Amino acid sequence: MLTTTSPHTELELPMDYRLGETRTEIRMTTPDQVRQAADALASQANYHINIFTQNLDPELYDTASFEGYIAQL
């Protein structure tokens, strides 16, 4: 398991979870878990990230970690 942690919650992703390849569903119940999943997936991006949303939630995407992954693209 790949585990991402924060001061509030812990989210475990399967170790072999690959962006765009793995079809396993992951149940998230808190905004913090969604943010961690966004970070985990953004860390795997190589060239670009497509985010499909009507509301780019700052709690999820306006974080230093997510911005760092975007800056590396």
C-alpha atoms as a PDB file:
ATOM      1  CA  MET A   1       0.000   0.000   0.000  1.00  0.00           C
ATOM      2  CA  LEU A   2       1.059   3.550  -0.715  1.00  0.00           C
ATOM      3  CA  THR A   3       0.069   5.612   2.302  1.00  0.00           C
ATOM      4  CA  THR A   4      -0.250   9.374   2.275  1.00  0.00           C
ATOM      5  CA  THR A   5      -0.654  11.075   5.606  1.00  0.00           C
ATOM      6  CA  SER A   6      -1.670  14.417   6.996  1.00  0.00           C
ATOM      7  CA  PRO A   7      -2.231  15.681  10.536  1.00  0.00           C
ATOM      8  CA  HIS A   8      -5.927  14.797  10.226  1.00  0.00           C
ATOM      9  CA  THR A   9      -6.428  11.594   8.236  1.00  0.00           C
ATOM     10  CA  GLU A  10      -4.663   8.791   6.447  1.00  0.00           C
ATOM     11  CA  LEU A  11      -5.462   7.578   2.945  1.00  0.00           C
ATOM     12  CA  GLU A  12      -4.146   4.306   1.607  1.00  0.00           C
ATOM     13  CA  LEU A  13      -3.832   3.760  -2.127  1.00  0.00           C
ATOM     14  CA  PRO A  14      -2.892   0.391  -3.600  1.00  0.00           C
ATOM     15  CA  MET A  15       0.886   0.352  -4.249  1.00  0.00           C
ATOM     16  CA  ASP A  16       0.297  -0.495  -7.897  1.00  0.00           C
ATOM     17  CA  TYR A  17      -2.239   2.313  -8.398  1.00  0.00           C
ATOM     18  CA  ARG A  18      -1.244   3.974 -11.662  1.00  0.00           C
ATOM     19  CA  LEU A  19      -2.796   7.139 -13.016  1.00  0.00           C
ATOM     20  CA  GLY A  20      -4.868   6.384 -16.113  1.00  0.00           C
ATOM     21  CA  GLU A  21      -4.365   2.635 -15.833  1.00  0.00           C
ATOM     22  CA  THR A  22      -5.848   1.356 -12.566  1.00  0.00           C
ATOM     23  CA  ARG A  23      -9.617   0.991 -12.530  1.00  0.00           C
ATOM     24  CA  THR A  24      -9.982   0.254  -8.814  1.00  0.00           C
ATOM     25  CA  GLU A  25     -12.396   2.546  -7.010  1.00  0.00           C
ATOM     26  CA  ILE A  26     -11.170   4.315  -3.889  1.00  0.00           C
ATOM     27  CA  ARG A  27     -13.792   5.533  -1.430  1.00  0.00           C
ATOM     28  CA  MET A  28     -13.038   8.909   0.111  1.00  0.00           C
ATOM     29  CA  THR A  29     -15.256  10.349   2.806  1.00  0.00           C
ATOM     30  CA  THR A  30     -13.537  13.597   3.760  1.00  0.00           C
ATOM     31  CA  PRO A  31     -12.258  16.625   1.848  1.00  0.00           C
ATOM     32  CA  ASP A  32      -8.789  15.920   3.249  1.00  0.00           C
ATOM     33  CA  GLN A  33      -8.797  12.455   1.685  1.00  0.00           C
ATOM     34  CA  VAL A  34      -9.817  13.957  -1.674  1.00  0.00           C
ATOM     35  CA  ARG A  35      -6.961  16.478  -1.399  1.00  0.00           C
ATOM     36  CA  GLN A  36      -4.503  13.698  -0.611  1.00  0.00           C
ATOM     37  CA  ALA A  37      -5.734  11.672  -3.578  1.00  0.00           C
ATOM     38  CA  ALA A  38      -5.368  14.720  -5.849  1.00  0.00           C
ATOM     39  CA  ASP A  39      -1.789  15.129  -4.597  1.00  0.00           C
ATOM     40  CA  ALA A  40      -1.032  11.432  -5.068  1.00  0.00           C
ATOM     41  CA  LEU A  41      -2.345  11.461  -8.627  1.00  0.00           C
ATOM     42  CA  ALA A  42      -0.720  14.803  -9.505  1.00  0.00           C
ATOM     43  CA  SER A  43       2.622  13.414  -8.357  1.00  0.00           C
ATOM     44  CA  GLN A  44       2.361  10.795 -11.129  1.00  0.00           C
ATOM     45  CA  ALA A  45       1.652  13.234 -13.984  1.00  0.00           C
ATOM     46  CA  ASN A  46       4.389  13.580 -16.586  1.00  0.00           C
ATOM     47  CA  TYR A  47       3.240  16.253 -19.034  1.00  0.00           C
ATOM     48  CA  HIS A  48      -0.109  17.774 -18.112  1.00  0.00           C
ATOM     49  CA  ILE A  49      -3.110  17.487 -15.825  1.00  0.00           C
ATOM     50  CA  ASN A  50      -6.737  17.833 -16.906  1.00  0.00           C
ATOM     51  CA  ILE A  51      -9.131  18.799 -14.133  1.00  0.00           C
ATOM     52  CA  PHE A  52     -12.804  18.671 -15.044  1.00  0.00           C
ATOM     53  CA  THR A  53     -14.826  20.707 -12.576  1.00  0.00           C
ATOM     54  CA  GLN A  54     -17.182  23.652 -12.466  1.00  0.00           C
ATOM     55  CA  ASN A  55     -15.607  24.805  -9.203  1.00  0.00           C
ATOM     56  CA  LEU A  56     -11.844  24.580  -8.725  1.00  0.00           C
ATOM     57  CA  ASP A  57     -12.019  24.137  -4.950  1.00  0.00           C
ATOM     58  CA  PRO A  58      -9.144  26.029  -3.293  1.00  0.00           C
ATOM     59  CA  GLU A  59      -9.146  23.625  -0.338  1.00  0.00           C
ATOM     60  CA  LEU A  60      -8.190  20.842  -2.728  1.00  0.00           C
ATOM     61  CA  TYR A  61      -5.967  22.558  -5.267  1.00  0.00           C
ATOM     62  CA  ASP A  62      -4.595  25.746  -3.672  1.00  0.00           C
ATOM     63  CA  THR A  63      -1.974  23.956  -1.601  1.00  0.00           C
ATOM     64  CA  ALA A  64       1.793  24.087  -1.657  1.00  0.00           C
ATOM     65  CA  SER A  65       2.063  20.367  -2.365  1.00  0.00           C
ATOM     66  CA  PHE A  66      -0.332  20.415  -5.345  1.00  0.00           C
ATOM     67  CA  GLU A  67       1.266  23.572  -6.725  1.00  0.00           C
ATOM     68  CA  GLY A  68       4.665  21.887  -6.430  1.00  0.00           C
ATOM     69  CA  TYR A  69       3.525  18.949  -8.548  1.00  0.00           C
ATOM     70  CA  ILE A  70       2.090  21.347 -11.152  1.00  0.00           C
ATOM     71  CA  ALA A  71       5.322  23.352 -11.240  1.00  0.00           C
ATOM     72  CA  GLN A  72       7.278  20.185 -12.058  1.00  0.00           C
ATOM     73  CA  LEU A  73       5.289  19.588 -15.267  1.00  0.00           C
END
